[in-house]
Amino acid sequence: MKILRIGLGVILSLIGIVFAILPGSILFLIGGLMVLSYDVPIAKTWLKKCQAGMSAGAKKLDRHLLNRRLKRF
């Protein structure tokens, strides 16, 4: 079972990396890292970094959209 999880995690992570230019491909990367984090400790570190980066990006986009909305009025 462990080999299957690691294989699935690697495949999902590679799909996320290869298709990084497509919208939604980050979900494959996050999914792969989640599966890998059960068995590979370094994957948990990378998962936390990806989650922090996504959170920071979402906050930045929210601020940008809020400022844009306020400038209209």
C-alpha atoms as a PDB file:
ATOM      1  CA  MET A   1       0.000   0.000   0.000  1.00  0.00           C
ATOM      2  CA  LYS A   2       2.872   2.384   0.813  1.00  0.00           C
ATOM      3  CA  ILE A   3       4.365   1.902  -2.678  1.00  0.00           C
ATOM      4  CA  LEU A   4       0.995   2.656  -4.251  1.00  0.00           C
ATOM      5  CA  ARG A   5       0.631   5.876  -2.209  1.00  0.00           C
ATOM      6  CA  ILE A   6       4.123   7.027  -3.099  1.00  0.00           C
ATOM      7  CA  GLY A   7       3.575   6.218  -6.772  1.00  0.00           C
ATOM      8  CA  LEU A   8       0.269   8.071  -6.865  1.00  0.00           C
ATOM      9  CA  GLY A   9       1.776  11.035  -5.027  1.00  0.00           C
ATOM     10  CA  VAL A  10       4.706  11.254  -7.434  1.00  0.00           C
ATOM     11  CA  ILE A  11       2.421  11.029 -10.476  1.00  0.00           C
ATOM     12  CA  LEU A  12       0.081  13.742  -9.195  1.00  0.00           C
ATOM     13  CA  SER A  13       2.990  15.994  -8.255  1.00  0.00           C
ATOM     14  CA  LEU A  14       4.607  15.568 -11.662  1.00  0.00           C
ATOM     15  CA  ILE A  15       1.326  16.348 -13.420  1.00  0.00           C
ATOM     16  CA  GLY A  16       1.031  19.516 -11.328  1.00  0.00           C
ATOM     17  CA  ILE A  17       4.584  20.571 -12.172  1.00  0.00           C
ATOM     18  CA  VAL A  18       4.426  19.728 -15.891  1.00  0.00           C
ATOM     19  CA  PHE A  19       1.109  21.493 -16.431  1.00  0.00           C
ATOM     20  CA  ALA A  20       1.972  24.453 -14.181  1.00  0.00           C
ATOM     21  CA  ILE A  21       0.874  26.920 -16.863  1.00  0.00           C
ATOM     22  CA  LEU A  22      -2.712  25.630 -16.833  1.00  0.00           C
ATOM     23  CA  PRO A  23      -5.262  26.881 -14.333  1.00  0.00           C
ATOM     24  CA  GLY A  24      -6.090  24.346 -11.658  1.00  0.00           C
ATOM     25  CA  SER A  25      -2.903  22.335 -12.076  1.00  0.00           C
ATOM     26  CA  ILE A  26      -1.751  23.470  -8.646  1.00  0.00           C
ATOM     27  CA  LEU A  27      -4.465  21.210  -7.248  1.00  0.00           C
ATOM     28  CA  PHE A  28      -2.617  18.201  -8.683  1.00  0.00           C
ATOM     29  CA  LEU A  29       0.591  19.356  -7.038  1.00  0.00           C
ATOM     30  CA  ILE A  30      -1.104  19.923  -3.685  1.00  0.00           C
ATOM     31  CA  GLY A  31      -2.889  16.570  -3.950  1.00  0.00           C
ATOM     32  CA  GLY A  32       0.343  14.775  -4.770  1.00  0.00           C
ATOM     33  CA  LEU A  33       2.143  16.404  -1.876  1.00  0.00           C
ATOM     34  CA  MET A  34      -0.717  15.489   0.471  1.00  0.00           C
ATOM     35  CA  VAL A  35      -0.494  11.837  -0.539  1.00  0.00           C
ATOM     36  CA  LEU A  36       3.292  11.859  -0.310  1.00  0.00           C
ATOM     37  CA  SER A  37       3.275  13.560   3.092  1.00  0.00           C
ATOM     38  CA  TYR A  38       2.010  10.349   4.717  1.00  0.00           C
ATOM     39  CA  ASP A  39       5.266   8.550   3.932  1.00  0.00           C
ATOM     40  CA  VAL A  40       7.848  11.192   2.991  1.00  0.00           C
ATOM     41  CA  PRO A  41       8.618  13.852   5.636  1.00  0.00           C
ATOM     42  CA  ILE A  42      10.100  16.368   3.175  1.00  0.00           C
ATOM     43  CA  ALA A  43       6.802  16.360   1.251  1.00  0.00           C
ATOM     44  CA  LYS A  44       5.056  17.717   4.356  1.00  0.00           C
ATOM     45  CA  THR A  45       7.505  20.641   4.394  1.00  0.00           C
ATOM     46  CA  TRP A  46       6.869  21.384   0.722  1.00  0.00           C
ATOM     47  CA  LEU A  47       3.124  21.055   1.251  1.00  0.00           C
ATOM     48  CA  LYS A  48       3.245  23.687   4.001  1.00  0.00           C
ATOM     49  CA  LYS A  49       5.270  26.005   1.734  1.00  0.00           C
ATOM     50  CA  CYS A  50       2.789  25.581  -1.123  1.00  0.00           C
ATOM     51  CA  GLN A  51      -0.152  26.215   1.183  1.00  0.00           C
ATOM     52  CA  ALA A  52       1.497  29.324   2.611  1.00  0.00           C
ATOM     53  CA  GLY A  53       2.255  30.599  -0.889  1.00  0.00           C
ATOM     54  CA  MET A  54      -1.307  30.021  -2.036  1.00  0.00           C
ATOM     55  CA  SER A  55      -2.659  31.771   1.054  1.00  0.00           C
ATOM     56  CA  ALA A  56      -0.372  34.765   0.533  1.00  0.00           C
ATOM     57  CA  GLY A  57      -1.350  34.949  -3.129  1.00  0.00           C
ATOM     58  CA  ALA A  58      -5.052  34.850  -2.283  1.00  0.00           C
ATOM     59  CA  LYS A  59      -4.648  37.634   0.282  1.00  0.00           C
ATOM     60  CA  LYS A  60      -2.746  39.764  -2.220  1.00  0.00           C
ATOM     61  CA  LEU A  61      -5.414  39.217  -4.870  1.00  0.00           C
ATOM     62  CA  ASP A  62      -8.162  40.084  -2.376  1.00  0.00           C
ATOM     63  CA  ARG A  63      -6.411  43.345  -1.463  1.00  0.00           C
ATOM     64  CA  HIS A  64      -5.937  44.209  -5.136  1.00  0.00           C
ATOM     65  CA  LEU A  65      -9.582  43.551  -5.974  1.00  0.00           C
ATOM     66  CA  LEU A  66     -10.801  45.486  -2.924  1.00  0.00           C
ATOM     67  CA  ASN A  67      -8.637  48.508  -3.825  1.00  0.00           C
ATOM     68  CA  ARG A  68      -9.887  48.349  -7.398  1.00  0.00           C
ATOM     69  CA  ARG A  69     -13.488  48.276  -6.204  1.00  0.00           C
ATOM     70  CA  LEU A  70     -12.948  51.223  -3.838  1.00  0.00           C
ATOM     71  CA  LYS A  71     -11.382  53.338  -6.594  1.00  0.00           C
ATOM     72  CA  ARG A  72     -14.521  53.024  -8.695  1.00  0.00           C
ATOM     73  CA  PHE A  73     -16.701  54.784  -6.150  1.00  0.00           C
END
